[in-house]
C-alpha atoms as a PDB file:
ATOM      1  CA  UNK A   1     113.790  86.070 103.891  1.00  0.00           C
ATOM      2  CA  UNK A   2     115.818  87.576 106.588  1.00  0.00           C
ATOM      3  CA  UNK A   3     119.348  87.818 106.262  1.00  0.00           C
ATOM      4  CA  UNK A   4     122.120  87.890 108.826  1.00  0.00           C
ATOM      5  CA  UNK A   5     125.493  88.907 109.068  1.00  0.00           C
ATOM      6  CA  UNK A   6     127.654  85.954 110.570  1.00  0.00           C
ATOM      7  CA  UNK A   7     130.306  86.926 112.942  1.00  0.00           C
ATOM      8  CA  UNK A   8     132.659  89.850 112.092  1.00  0.00           C
ATOM      9  CA  UNK A   9     132.654  88.918 108.500  1.00  0.00           C
ATOM     10  CA  UNK A  10     131.176  90.398 105.575  1.00  0.00           C
ATOM     11  CA  UNK A  11     128.855  87.774 104.919  1.00  0.00           C
ATOM     12  CA  UNK A  12     125.208  88.130 105.186  1.00  0.00           C
ATOM     13  CA  UNK A  13     123.353  84.685 104.914  1.00  0.00           C
ATOM     14  CA  UNK A  14     119.659  83.667 104.682  1.00  0.00           C
ATOM     15  CA  UNK A  15     118.053  82.815 107.946  1.00  0.00           C
ATOM     16  CA  UNK A  16     117.318  79.474 106.677  1.00  0.00           C
ATOM     17  CA  UNK A  17     120.150  77.495 104.780  1.00  0.00           C
ATOM     18  CA  UNK A  18     120.160  74.698 102.603  1.00  0.00           C
ATOM     19  CA  UNK A  19     121.643  71.526 104.087  1.00  0.00           C
ATOM     20  CA  UNK A  20     122.684  69.070 101.607  1.00  0.00           C
ATOM     21  CA  UNK A  21     123.840  65.692 103.388  1.00  0.00           C
ATOM     22  CA  UNK A  22     120.923  63.451 101.625  1.00  0.00           C
ATOM     23  CA  UNK A  23     122.595  64.420  97.932  1.00  0.00           C
ATOM     24  CA  UNK A  24     123.908  61.101  96.863  1.00  0.00           C
ATOM     25  CA  UNK A  25     122.396  58.956  99.052  1.00  0.00           C
ATOM     26  CA  UNK A  26     118.610  59.529  99.679  1.00  0.00           C
ATOM     27  CA  UNK A  27     118.569  62.158  96.659  1.00  0.00           C
ATOM     28  CA  UNK A  28     119.699  61.876  93.115  1.00  0.00           C
ATOM     29  CA  UNK A  29     121.670  64.404  91.057  1.00  0.00           C
ATOM     30  CA  UNK A  30     118.087  65.849  89.665  1.00  0.00           C
ATOM     31  CA  UNK A  31     116.653  65.728  93.127  1.00  0.00           C
ATOM     32  CA  UNK A  32     119.704  67.662  94.379  1.00  0.00           C
ATOM     33  CA  UNK A  33     119.199  70.374  91.641  1.00  0.00           C
ATOM     34  CA  UNK A  34     115.485  70.950  92.079  1.00  0.00           C
ATOM     35  CA  UNK A  35     116.091  71.622  95.986  1.00  0.00           C
ATOM     36  CA  UNK A  36     118.818  74.141  95.091  1.00  0.00           C
ATOM     37  CA  UNK A  37     116.728  75.649  92.671  1.00  0.00           C
ATOM     38  CA  UNK A  38     113.632  76.022  94.946  1.00  0.00           C
ATOM     39  CA  UNK A  39     115.807  77.040  97.982  1.00  0.00           C
ATOM     40  CA  UNK A  40     117.177  79.881  95.792  1.00  0.00           C
ATOM     41  CA  UNK A  41     114.044  80.961  94.376  1.00  0.00           C
ATOM     42  CA  UNK A  42     112.631  81.462  98.152  1.00  0.00           C
ATOM     43  CA  UNK A  43     115.706  83.443  99.063  1.00  0.00           C
ATOM     44  CA  UNK A  44     118.344  81.117 100.319  1.00  0.00           C
ATOM     45  CA  UNK A  45     121.902  82.124  99.764  1.00  0.00           C
ATOM     46  CA  UNK A  46     123.482  79.767 101.912  1.00  0.00           C
ATOM     47  CA  UNK A  47     124.472  76.096 101.033  1.00  0.00           C
ATOM     48  CA  UNK A  48     126.210  73.853 103.326  1.00  0.00           C
ATOM     49  CA  UNK A  49     128.197  70.882 102.474  1.00  0.00           C
ATOM     50  CA  UNK A  50     131.061  68.711 103.766  1.00  0.00           C
ATOM     51  CA  UNK A  51     133.611  66.390 101.868  1.00  0.00           C
ATOM     52  CA  UNK A  52     132.696  63.407 103.661  1.00  0.00           C
ATOM     53  CA  UNK A  53     128.859  63.622 102.585  1.00  0.00           C
ATOM     54  CA  UNK A  54     126.427  61.992 101.920  1.00  0.00           C
ATOM     55  CA  UNK A  55     125.429  60.453 104.896  1.00  0.00           C
ATOM     56  CA  UNK A  56     125.905  57.630 106.015  1.00  0.00           C
ATOM     57  CA  UNK A  57     129.404  57.815 105.155  1.00  0.00           C
ATOM     58  CA  UNK A  58     130.680  55.288 102.891  1.00  0.00           C
ATOM     59  CA  UNK A  59     133.945  55.114 100.791  1.00  0.00           C
ATOM     60  CA  UNK A  60     131.823  54.391  97.684  1.00  0.00           C
ATOM     61  CA  UNK A  61     129.938  57.669  97.906  1.00  0.00           C
ATOM     62  CA  UNK A  62     132.309  60.192  99.720  1.00  0.00           C
ATOM     63  CA  UNK A  63     132.369  63.372  97.923  1.00  0.00           C
ATOM     64  CA  UNK A  64     129.178  62.854  95.595  1.00  0.00           C
ATOM     65  CA  UNK A  65     127.298  65.616  97.603  1.00  0.00           C
ATOM     66  CA  UNK A  66     129.734  68.183  96.494  1.00  0.00           C
ATOM     67  CA  UNK A  67     129.878  66.887  93.034  1.00  0.00           C
ATOM     68  CA  UNK A  68     126.243  67.170  92.586  1.00  0.00           C
ATOM     69  CA  UNK A  69     126.421  70.534  94.022  1.00  0.00           C
ATOM     70  CA  UNK A  70     129.058  71.553  91.654  1.00  0.00           C
ATOM     71  CA  UNK A  71     127.327  70.504  88.416  1.00  0.00           C
ATOM     72  CA  UNK A  72     124.612  72.842  89.476  1.00  0.00           C
ATOM     73  CA  UNK A  73     126.878  75.589  90.984  1.00  0.00           C
ATOM     74  CA  UNK A  74     128.908  76.266  87.723  1.00  0.00           C
ATOM     75  CA  UNK A  75     125.449  77.478  85.987  1.00  0.00           C
ATOM     76  CA  UNK A  76     124.821  80.072  88.766  1.00  0.00           C
ATOM     77  CA  UNK A  77     125.995  83.605  89.397  1.00  0.00           C
ATOM     78  CA  UNK A  78     128.830  82.294  91.820  1.00  0.00           C
ATOM     79  CA  UNK A  79     129.046  85.776  93.710  1.00  0.00           C
ATOM     80  CA  UNK A  80     125.325  85.704  94.729  1.00  0.00           C
ATOM     81  CA  UNK A  81     125.723  82.343  96.761  1.00  0.00           C
ATOM     82  CA  UNK A  82     127.420  81.550  99.983  1.00  0.00           C
ATOM     83  CA  UNK A  83     129.141  78.116  99.753  1.00  0.00           C
ATOM     84  CA  UNK A  84     130.184  76.269 102.854  1.00  0.00           C
ATOM     85  CA  UNK A  85     131.847  72.971 103.290  1.00  0.00           C
ATOM     86  CA  UNK A  86     133.544  71.125 105.735  1.00  0.00           C
ATOM     87  CA  UNK A  87     136.944  69.003 106.322  1.00  0.00           C
ATOM     88  CA  UNK A  88     136.443  65.579 108.017  1.00  0.00           C
ATOM     89  CA  UNK A  89     137.849  65.234 111.736  1.00  0.00           C
ATOM     90  CA  UNK A  90     139.580  62.504 112.895  1.00  0.00           C
ATOM     91  CA  UNK A  91     138.814  60.002 115.582  1.00  0.00           C
ATOM     92  CA  UNK A  92     135.750  58.231 113.835  1.00  0.00           C
ATOM     93  CA  UNK A  93     137.609  56.111 111.248  1.00  0.00           C
ATOM     94  CA  UNK A  94     137.170  57.018 107.701  1.00  0.00           C
ATOM     95  CA  UNK A  95     140.194  55.329 106.387  1.00  0.00           C
ATOM     96  CA  UNK A  96     139.190  55.881 103.031  1.00  0.00           C
ATOM     97  CA  UNK A  97     139.457  59.772 103.444  1.00  0.00           C
ATOM     98  CA  UNK A  98     143.480  60.315 103.283  1.00  0.00           C
ATOM     99  CA  UNK A  99     144.019  57.033 105.229  1.00  0.00           C
ATOM    100  CA  UNK A 100     142.438  58.588 108.281  1.00  0.00           C
ATOM    101  CA  UNK A 101     141.739  62.402 108.371  1.00  0.00           C
ATOM    102  CA  UNK A 102     143.683  64.781 110.519  1.00  0.00           C
ATOM    103  CA  UNK A 103     143.762  68.778 110.772  1.00  0.00           C
ATOM    104  CA  UNK A 104     146.884  69.570 109.705  1.00  0.00           C
ATOM    105  CA  UNK A 105     148.457  71.493 106.731  1.00  0.00           C
ATOM    106  CA  UNK A 106     148.639  68.354 104.679  1.00  0.00           C
ATOM    107  CA  UNK A 107     145.213  67.322 105.107  1.00  0.00           C
ATOM    108  CA  UNK A 108     143.850  70.788 104.763  1.00  0.00           C
ATOM    109  CA  UNK A 109     145.533  71.486 101.562  1.00  0.00           C
ATOM    110  CA  UNK A 110     144.453  68.163 100.176  1.00  0.00           C
ATOM    111  CA  UNK A 111     140.835  68.480 101.588  1.00  0.00           C
ATOM    112  CA  UNK A 112     140.243  71.799  99.998  1.00  0.00           C
ATOM    113  CA  UNK A 113     141.581  71.222  96.613  1.00  0.00           C
ATOM    114  CA  UNK A 114     139.558  68.119  96.603  1.00  0.00           C
ATOM    115  CA  UNK A 115     136.545  69.905  97.647  1.00  0.00           C
ATOM    116  CA  UNK A 116     137.055  73.018  95.231  1.00  0.00           C
ATOM    117  CA  UNK A 117     137.406  70.398  92.332  1.00  0.00           C
ATOM    118  CA  UNK A 118     134.158  68.783  93.137  1.00  0.00           C
ATOM    119  CA  UNK A 119     132.216  72.194  93.739  1.00  0.00           C
ATOM    120  CA  UNK A 120     133.733  73.269  90.419  1.00  0.00           C
ATOM    121  CA  UNK A 121     134.652  76.937  92.088  1.00  0.00           C
ATOM    122  CA  UNK A 122     137.803  78.683  92.705  1.00  0.00           C
ATOM    123  CA  UNK A 123     136.972  79.389  96.353  1.00  0.00           C
ATOM    124  CA  UNK A 124     134.519  78.697  99.156  1.00  0.00           C
ATOM    125  CA  UNK A 125     132.958  81.346 101.361  1.00  0.00           C
ATOM    126  CA  UNK A 126     133.211  79.598 104.658  1.00  0.00           C
ATOM    127  CA  UNK A 127     135.490  76.515 105.441  1.00  0.00           C
ATOM    128  CA  UNK A 128     134.715  74.376 108.713  1.00  0.00           C
ATOM    129  CA  UNK A 129     136.529  71.952 110.765  1.00  0.00           C
ATOM    130  CA  UNK A 130     133.843  69.085 110.825  1.00  0.00           C
ATOM    131  CA  UNK A 131     134.826  68.057 114.397  1.00  0.00           C
ATOM    132  CA  UNK A 132     137.440  68.866 116.472  1.00  0.00           C
ATOM    133  CA  UNK A 133     140.776  67.011 116.090  1.00  0.00           C
ATOM    134  CA  UNK A 134     141.270  66.571 119.745  1.00  0.00           C
ATOM    135  CA  UNK A 135     138.550  64.407 121.867  1.00  0.00           C
ATOM    136  CA  UNK A 136     135.401  65.798 122.978  1.00  0.00           C
ATOM    137  CA  UNK A 137     131.951  64.052 123.754  1.00  0.00           C
ATOM    138  CA  UNK A 138     130.060  64.304 120.330  1.00  0.00           C
ATOM    139  CA  UNK A 139     126.882  63.220 118.455  1.00  0.00           C
ATOM    140  CA  UNK A 140     124.813  62.141 121.756  1.00  0.00           C
ATOM    141  CA  UNK A 141     127.631  61.572 124.154  1.00  0.00           C
ATOM    142  CA  UNK A 142     127.551  63.461 127.554  1.00  0.00           C
ATOM    143  CA  UNK A 143     130.384  64.096 130.082  1.00  0.00           C
ATOM    144  CA  UNK A 144     133.792  64.638 129.370  1.00  0.00           C
ATOM    145  CA  UNK A 145     135.918  61.271 129.678  1.00  0.00           C
ATOM    146  CA  UNK A 146     139.409  62.287 130.454  1.00  0.00           C
ATOM    147  CA  UNK A 147     140.540  58.593 129.759  1.00  0.00           C
ATOM    148  CA  UNK A 148     139.868  59.272 126.030  1.00  0.00           C
ATOM    149  CA  UNK A 149     142.145  62.283 125.454  1.00  0.00           C
ATOM    150  CA  UNK A 150     144.568  61.574 122.313  1.00  0.00           C
ATOM    151  CA  UNK A 151     147.148  63.052 120.445  1.00  0.00           C
ATOM    152  CA  UNK A 152     146.105  66.379 118.883  1.00  0.00           C
ATOM    153  CA  UNK A 153     147.269  69.114 116.270  1.00  0.00           C
ATOM    154  CA  UNK A 154     147.710  72.038 118.382  1.00  0.00           C
ATOM    155  CA  UNK A 155     144.737  74.618 117.804  1.00  0.00           C
ATOM    156  CA  UNK A 156     147.618  77.153 116.668  1.00  0.00           C
ATOM    157  CA  UNK A 157     149.007  75.131 114.210  1.00  0.00           C
ATOM    158  CA  UNK A 158     145.543  74.130 112.672  1.00  0.00           C
ATOM    159  CA  UNK A 159     144.755  77.959 112.508  1.00  0.00           C
ATOM    160  CA  UNK A 160     148.272  78.732 110.837  1.00  0.00           C
ATOM    161  CA  UNK A 161     147.139  75.965 108.134  1.00  0.00           C
ATOM    162  CA  UNK A 162     143.875  77.433 107.635  1.00  0.00           C
ATOM    163  CA  UNK A 163     145.255  81.103 107.394  1.00  0.00           C
ATOM    164  CA  UNK A 164     147.293  80.000 104.280  1.00  0.00           C
ATOM    165  CA  UNK A 165     144.070  78.619 102.676  1.00  0.00           C
ATOM    166  CA  UNK A 166     142.778  81.930 103.244  1.00  0.00           C
ATOM    167  CA  UNK A 167     145.753  83.807 101.899  1.00  0.00           C
ATOM    168  CA  UNK A 168     145.758  81.666  99.022  1.00  0.00           C
ATOM    169  CA  UNK A 169     142.180  82.924  97.982  1.00  0.00           C
ATOM    170  CA  UNK A 170     140.632  79.442  98.578  1.00  0.00           C
ATOM    171  CA  UNK A 171     138.668  80.279 101.655  1.00  0.00           C
ATOM    172  CA  UNK A 172     137.280  83.540 102.455  1.00  0.00           C
ATOM    173  CA  UNK A 173     136.293  82.716 106.193  1.00  0.00           C
ATOM    174  CA  UNK A 174     136.724  79.931 108.538  1.00  0.00           C
ATOM    175  CA  UNK A 175     134.419  78.365 110.964  1.00  0.00           C
ATOM    176  CA  UNK A 176     133.934  75.321 113.589  1.00  0.00           C
ATOM    177  CA  UNK A 177     131.458  72.300 113.966  1.00  0.00           C
ATOM    178  CA  UNK A 178     130.485  70.236 116.939  1.00  0.00           C
ATOM    179  CA  UNK A 179     132.496  72.440 119.031  1.00  0.00           C
ATOM    180  CA  UNK A 180     132.700  73.303 122.744  1.00  0.00           C
ATOM    181  CA  UNK A 181     132.688  76.332 124.705  1.00  0.00           C
ATOM    182  CA  UNK A 182     136.262  75.748 125.419  1.00  0.00           C
ATOM    183  CA  UNK A 183     137.239  74.966 121.781  1.00  0.00           C
ATOM    184  CA  UNK A 184     135.597  78.135 120.567  1.00  0.00           C
ATOM    185  CA  UNK A 185     137.224  80.409 123.085  1.00  0.00           C
ATOM    186  CA  UNK A 186     140.621  78.633 122.473  1.00  0.00           C
ATOM    187  CA  UNK A 187     140.473  79.143 118.618  1.00  0.00           C
ATOM    188  CA  UNK A 188     139.272  82.926 119.124  1.00  0.00           C
ATOM    189  CA  UNK A 189     142.418  83.309 121.730  1.00  0.00           C
ATOM    190  CA  UNK A 190     144.947  81.874 119.317  1.00  0.00           C
ATOM    191  CA  UNK A 191     143.938  83.855 116.440  1.00  0.00           C
ATOM    192  CA  UNK A 192     144.383  86.997 118.333  1.00  0.00           C
ATOM    193  CA  UNK A 193     147.641  85.912 119.719  1.00  0.00           C
ATOM    194  CA  UNK A 194     149.322  85.116 116.586  1.00  0.00           C
ATOM    195  CA  UNK A 195     147.360  87.398 114.121  1.00  0.00           C
ATOM    196  CA  UNK A 196     145.326  84.846 112.344  1.00  0.00           C
ATOM    197  CA  UNK A 197     141.998  84.537 110.912  1.00  0.00           C
ATOM    198  CA  UNK A 198     139.164  84.385 113.232  1.00  0.00           C
ATOM    199  CA  UNK A 199     136.360  82.220 113.011  1.00  0.00           C
ATOM    200  CA  UNK A 200     132.970  83.416 112.478  1.00  0.00           C
ATOM    201  CA  UNK A 201     131.056  80.398 112.960  1.00  0.00           C
ATOM    202  CA  UNK A 202     129.997  77.121 114.861  1.00  0.00           C
ATOM    203  CA  UNK A 203     127.946  74.677 113.379  1.00  0.00           C
ATOM    204  CA  UNK A 204     126.310  72.630 116.233  1.00  0.00           C
ATOM    205  CA  UNK A 205     123.059  70.661 116.807  1.00  0.00           C
ATOM    206  CA  UNK A 206     120.248  73.001 118.152  1.00  0.00           C
ATOM    207  CA  UNK A 207     116.599  72.086 118.317  1.00  0.00           C
ATOM    208  CA  UNK A 208     113.529  71.915 120.731  1.00  0.00           C
ATOM    209  CA  UNK A 209     114.935  68.753 122.301  1.00  0.00           C
ATOM    210  CA  UNK A 210     118.797  69.735 122.316  1.00  0.00           C
ATOM    211  CA  UNK A 211     118.999  73.194 123.621  1.00  0.00           C
ATOM    212  CA  UNK A 212     122.449  72.555 125.199  1.00  0.00           C
ATOM    213  CA  UNK A 213     124.115  75.509 123.258  1.00  0.00           C
ATOM    214  CA  UNK A 214     122.035  78.042 125.656  1.00  0.00           C
ATOM    215  CA  UNK A 215     124.384  76.940 128.496  1.00  0.00           C
ATOM    216  CA  UNK A 216     127.877  78.078 127.880  1.00  0.00           C
ATOM    217  CA  UNK A 217     128.129  78.268 124.094  1.00  0.00           C
ATOM    218  CA  UNK A 218     125.585  80.942 124.125  1.00  0.00           C
ATOM    219  CA  UNK A 219     127.390  83.146 126.099  1.00  0.00           C
ATOM    220  CA  UNK A 220     130.743  82.607 124.735  1.00  0.00           C
ATOM    221  CA  UNK A 221     129.585  83.141 120.996  1.00  0.00           C
ATOM    222  CA  UNK A 222     127.840  86.425 122.097  1.00  0.00           C
ATOM    223  CA  UNK A 223     130.992  87.997 123.732  1.00  0.00           C
ATOM    224  CA  UNK A 224     133.412  86.528 121.097  1.00  0.00           C
ATOM    225  CA  UNK A 225     131.034  87.427 117.943  1.00  0.00           C
ATOM    226  CA  UNK A 226     130.818  83.918 116.514  1.00  0.00           C
ATOM    227  CA  UNK A 227     127.524  83.049 114.871  1.00  0.00           C
ATOM    228  CA  UNK A 228     125.617  79.753 115.447  1.00  0.00           C
ATOM    229  CA  UNK A 229     124.706  77.592 112.359  1.00  0.00           C
ATOM    230  CA  UNK A 230     122.038  75.244 113.545  1.00  0.00           C
ATOM    231  CA  UNK A 231     121.750  71.978 112.191  1.00  0.00           C
ATOM    232  CA  UNK A 232     119.351  69.171 112.822  1.00  0.00           C
ATOM    233  CA  UNK A 233     116.431  71.529 113.759  1.00  0.00           C
ATOM    234  CA  UNK A 234     114.004  68.718 113.356  1.00  0.00           C
ATOM    235  CA  UNK A 235     115.860  66.324 115.427  1.00  0.00           C
ATOM    236  CA  UNK A 236     116.209  64.000 112.511  1.00  0.00           C
ATOM    237  CA  UNK A 237     112.514  63.768 111.998  1.00  0.00           C
ATOM    238  CA  UNK A 238     111.284  63.659 115.469  1.00  0.00           C
ATOM    239  CA  UNK A 239     109.941  67.063 115.666  1.00  0.00           C
ATOM    240  CA  UNK A 240     107.851  66.383 112.582  1.00  0.00           C
ATOM    241  CA  UNK A 241     105.803  64.045 114.820  1.00  0.00           C
ATOM    242  CA  UNK A 242     106.089  61.553 112.315  1.00  0.00           C
ATOM    243  CA  UNK A 243     107.570  58.518 114.464  1.00  0.00           C
ATOM    244  CA  UNK A 244     105.075  59.116 116.884  1.00  0.00           C
ATOM    245  CA  UNK A 245     102.438  58.237 114.503  1.00  0.00           C
ATOM    246  CA  UNK A 246     104.522  55.370 113.192  1.00  0.00           C
ATOM    247  CA  UNK A 247     107.842  54.478 114.770  1.00  0.00           C
ATOM    248  CA  UNK A 248     108.974  52.574 111.600  1.00  0.00           C
ATOM    249  CA  UNK A 249     107.960  55.594 109.334  1.00  0.00           C
ATOM    250  CA  UNK A 250     110.249  56.076 106.450  1.00  0.00           C
ATOM    251  CA  UNK A 251     113.215  58.352 107.530  1.00  0.00           C
ATOM    252  CA  UNK A 252     117.080  58.358 108.283  1.00  0.00           C
ATOM    253  CA  UNK A 253     116.272  56.966 111.888  1.00  0.00           C
ATOM    254  CA  UNK A 254     114.597  53.987 110.178  1.00  0.00           C
ATOM    255  CA  UNK A 255     116.817  53.661 107.104  1.00  0.00           C
ATOM    256  CA  UNK A 256     120.209  54.257 108.974  1.00  0.00           C
ATOM    257  CA  UNK A 257     120.176  52.412 112.289  1.00  0.00           C
ATOM    258  CA  UNK A 258     123.669  54.131 112.911  1.00  0.00           C
ATOM    259  CA  UNK A 259     121.637  57.366 113.926  1.00  0.00           C
ATOM    260  CA  UNK A 260     119.489  56.130 116.424  1.00  0.00           C
ATOM    261  CA  UNK A 261     121.471  56.409 119.328  1.00  0.00           C
ATOM    262  CA  UNK A 262     121.486  60.234 119.725  1.00  0.00           C
ATOM    263  CA  UNK A 263     117.448  59.992 119.939  1.00  0.00           C
ATOM    264  CA  UNK A 264     116.872  56.678 121.524  1.00  0.00           C
ATOM    265  CA  UNK A 265     116.695  58.368 124.963  1.00  0.00           C
ATOM    266  CA  UNK A 266     113.797  57.812 127.531  1.00  0.00           C
ATOM    267  CA  UNK A 267     112.179  61.345 127.200  1.00  0.00           C
ATOM    268  CA  UNK A 268     112.294  61.680 123.640  1.00  0.00           C
ATOM    269  CA  UNK A 269     109.042  60.274 122.862  1.00  0.00           C
ATOM    270  CA  UNK A 270     107.289  62.323 125.523  1.00  0.00           C
ATOM    271  CA  UNK A 271     108.898  65.341 124.644  1.00  0.00           C
ATOM    272  CA  UNK A 272     108.178  65.006 121.003  1.00  0.00           C
ATOM    273  CA  UNK A 273     104.715  64.430 122.061  1.00  0.00           C
ATOM    274  CA  UNK A 274     104.246  67.665 123.840  1.00  0.00           C
ATOM    275  CA  UNK A 275     105.595  70.004 121.204  1.00  0.00           C
ATOM    276  CA  UNK A 276     103.589  68.241 118.514  1.00  0.00           C
ATOM    277  CA  UNK A 277     100.583  68.924 120.656  1.00  0.00           C
ATOM    278  CA  UNK A 278     101.731  72.614 121.021  1.00  0.00           C
ATOM    279  CA  UNK A 279     101.858  73.002 117.168  1.00  0.00           C
ATOM    280  CA  UNK A 280      98.743  71.377 116.504  1.00  0.00           C
ATOM    281  CA  UNK A 281      96.537  73.458 118.872  1.00  0.00           C
ATOM    282  CA  UNK A 282      98.194  76.544 117.208  1.00  0.00           C
ATOM    283  CA  UNK A 283      97.234  75.704 113.833  1.00  0.00           C
ATOM    284  CA  UNK A 284     100.662  75.156 112.839  1.00  0.00           C
ATOM    285  CA  UNK A 285     102.584  72.068 111.517  1.00  0.00           C
ATOM    286  CA  UNK A 286     104.822  70.411 114.122  1.00  0.00           C
ATOM    287  CA  UNK A 287     107.750  71.004 111.659  1.00  0.00           C
ATOM    288  CA  UNK A 288     106.997  74.621 110.896  1.00  0.00           C
ATOM    289  CA  UNK A 289     106.925  75.445 114.720  1.00  0.00           C
ATOM    290  CA  UNK A 290     110.361  73.928 115.462  1.00  0.00           C
ATOM    291  CA  UNK A 291     111.992  75.555 112.802  1.00  0.00           C
ATOM    292  CA  UNK A 292     110.235  78.969 113.756  1.00  0.00           C
ATOM    293  CA  UNK A 293     111.598  78.579 117.073  1.00  0.00           C
ATOM    294  CA  UNK A 294     115.186  77.897 116.070  1.00  0.00           C
ATOM    295  CA  UNK A 295     115.041  80.585 113.934  1.00  0.00           C
ATOM    296  CA  UNK A 296     113.888  83.146 116.240  1.00  0.00           C
ATOM    297  CA  UNK A 297     116.650  82.461 118.924  1.00  0.00           C
ATOM    298  CA  UNK A 298     118.792  85.850 119.244  1.00  0.00           C
ATOM    299  CA  UNK A 299     122.273  83.668 118.730  1.00  0.00           C
ATOM    300  CA  UNK A 300     121.202  81.636 115.787  1.00  0.00           C
ATOM    301  CA  UNK A 301     122.598  83.103 112.449  1.00  0.00           C
ATOM    302  CA  UNK A 302     121.164  80.695 110.233  1.00  0.00           C
ATOM    303  CA  UNK A 303     118.940  77.279 110.671  1.00  0.00           C
ATOM    304  CA  UNK A 304     120.064  74.599 108.232  1.00  0.00           C
ATOM    305  CA  UNK A 305     117.369  72.534 106.580  1.00  0.00           C
ATOM    306  CA  UNK A 306     117.802  69.044 105.333  1.00  0.00           C
ATOM    307  CA  UNK A 307     114.891  67.514 103.229  1.00  0.00           C
ATOM    308  CA  UNK A 308     114.634  64.542 101.203  1.00  0.00           C
ATOM    309  CA  UNK A 309     111.862  65.923  98.689  1.00  0.00           C
ATOM    310  CA  UNK A 310     111.115  69.167  97.163  1.00  0.00           C
ATOM    311  CA  UNK A 311     107.518  69.164  98.725  1.00  0.00           C
ATOM    312  CA  UNK A 312     109.243  68.648 102.434  1.00  0.00           C
ATOM    313  CA  UNK A 313     111.821  71.363 101.524  1.00  0.00           C
ATOM    314  CA  UNK A 314     108.997  73.668 100.484  1.00  0.00           C
ATOM    315  CA  UNK A 315     106.902  73.255 103.819  1.00  0.00           C
ATOM    316  CA  UNK A 316     110.183  73.863 105.703  1.00  0.00           C
ATOM    317  CA  UNK A 317     111.099  77.010 103.650  1.00  0.00           C
ATOM    318  CA  UNK A 318     107.443  78.380 104.248  1.00  0.00           C
ATOM    319  CA  UNK A 319     108.486  78.532 108.015  1.00  0.00           C
ATOM    320  CA  UNK A 320     110.735  81.532 107.272  1.00  0.00           C
ATOM    321  CA  UNK A 321     107.443  83.597 107.405  1.00  0.00           C
ATOM    322  CA  UNK A 322     106.422  82.246 110.479  1.00  0.00           C
ATOM    323  CA  UNK A 323     106.429  84.195 113.956  1.00  0.00           C
ATOM    324  CA  UNK A 324     105.517  82.362 117.316  1.00  0.00           C
ATOM    325  CA  UNK A 325     103.166  84.109 119.443  1.00  0.00           C
ATOM    326  CA  UNK A 326     104.011  84.716 123.045  1.00  0.00           C
ATOM    327  CA  UNK A 327     101.577  81.929 124.440  1.00  0.00           C
ATOM    328  CA  UNK A 328     103.334  79.607 122.000  1.00  0.00           C
ATOM    329  CA  UNK A 329     106.758  80.632 123.325  1.00  0.00           C
ATOM    330  CA  UNK A 330     105.733  80.113 126.748  1.00  0.00           C
ATOM    331  CA  UNK A 331     104.147  76.747 126.217  1.00  0.00           C
ATOM    332  CA  UNK A 332     107.133  75.644 124.640  1.00  0.00           C
ATOM    333  CA  UNK A 333     109.204  76.777 127.793  1.00  0.00           C
ATOM    334  CA  UNK A 334     106.848  74.905 130.032  1.00  0.00           C
ATOM    335  CA  UNK A 335     107.781  71.666 128.331  1.00  0.00           C
ATOM    336  CA  UNK A 336     111.560  72.454 128.142  1.00  0.00           C
ATOM    337  CA  UNK A 337     111.312  72.690 132.069  1.00  0.00           C
ATOM    338  CA  UNK A 338     109.898  69.343 132.498  1.00  0.00           C
ATOM    339  CA  UNK A 339     111.976  67.640 129.500  1.00  0.00           C
ATOM    340  CA  UNK A 340     115.109  69.661 129.251  1.00  0.00           C
ATOM    341  CA  UNK A 341     117.415  68.471 126.525  1.00  0.00           C
ATOM    342  CA  UNK A 342     116.264  65.060 126.202  1.00  0.00           C
ATOM    343  CA  UNK A 343     118.538  64.440 123.069  1.00  0.00           C
ATOM    344  CA  UNK A 344     121.536  66.494 123.162  1.00  0.00           C
END
């Protein structure tokens, strides 16, 4: 397993991370512990979760993911693991989380205290804003619609509240998620201007069918020394090829229809078919090729894996040893030129 320093922090995280949003919905507590044990045995030291997990989000299950991790974490060497979680952003409902979450001092204090209690730890290594307090197009939306702008907590105020969590020892480092080039730049600018903690990561979707990070964000993150944590590297299973063989195959897309919109785009099946073909001709599983590609990008600090079984997770972890040939990379670029970001 390769380990990479994120941002300007002292954290060195595994190039593959364990995502946990299935814990408590598709995976039982025993399943969760088995996945955690396997991941750590294969060299993974970075575990990512969120207060709103599992997905799909429901009041009845909110926080269960962190609780499952906590019942495992209390038996581990805490200093050997990098644990990340997130505060829920506003604008998407979630009335069961503090009557509607915001990114301000009161919500941040309540959120981190709840997460620490469920995780059974005194601190988290990385605390992230799950999505911006302000309006931005997200989760498959494209184009900035000025009419959707709304009241927001100023970024400097958000940073000041996060700084208090760092000072209190509850948080070691801070990061963002589902952010834009302007957002990343503004958080760094405010940190420098007011002497506040600087973000070290941004967690955004990145995979063969969504390489939008490469335009704008890659340049910003390079110059500002902010690392990418890539989520959905298999495009919710589309890059495994299973939905080509059976559109009704069991998976989050078919189990939870609310996830369909991001991938129900005209060129997704055609692009998936081409990437699956390239992988098979190279003697690779489609999932392995997709994960190896994401891991190989120069701007990527870690690729976050999400599995619903130990067998699936083992296959994904084995991709850590795979290096794609120049020929395969050239074929991937050829498909990307034809089907550029079909599932942003």
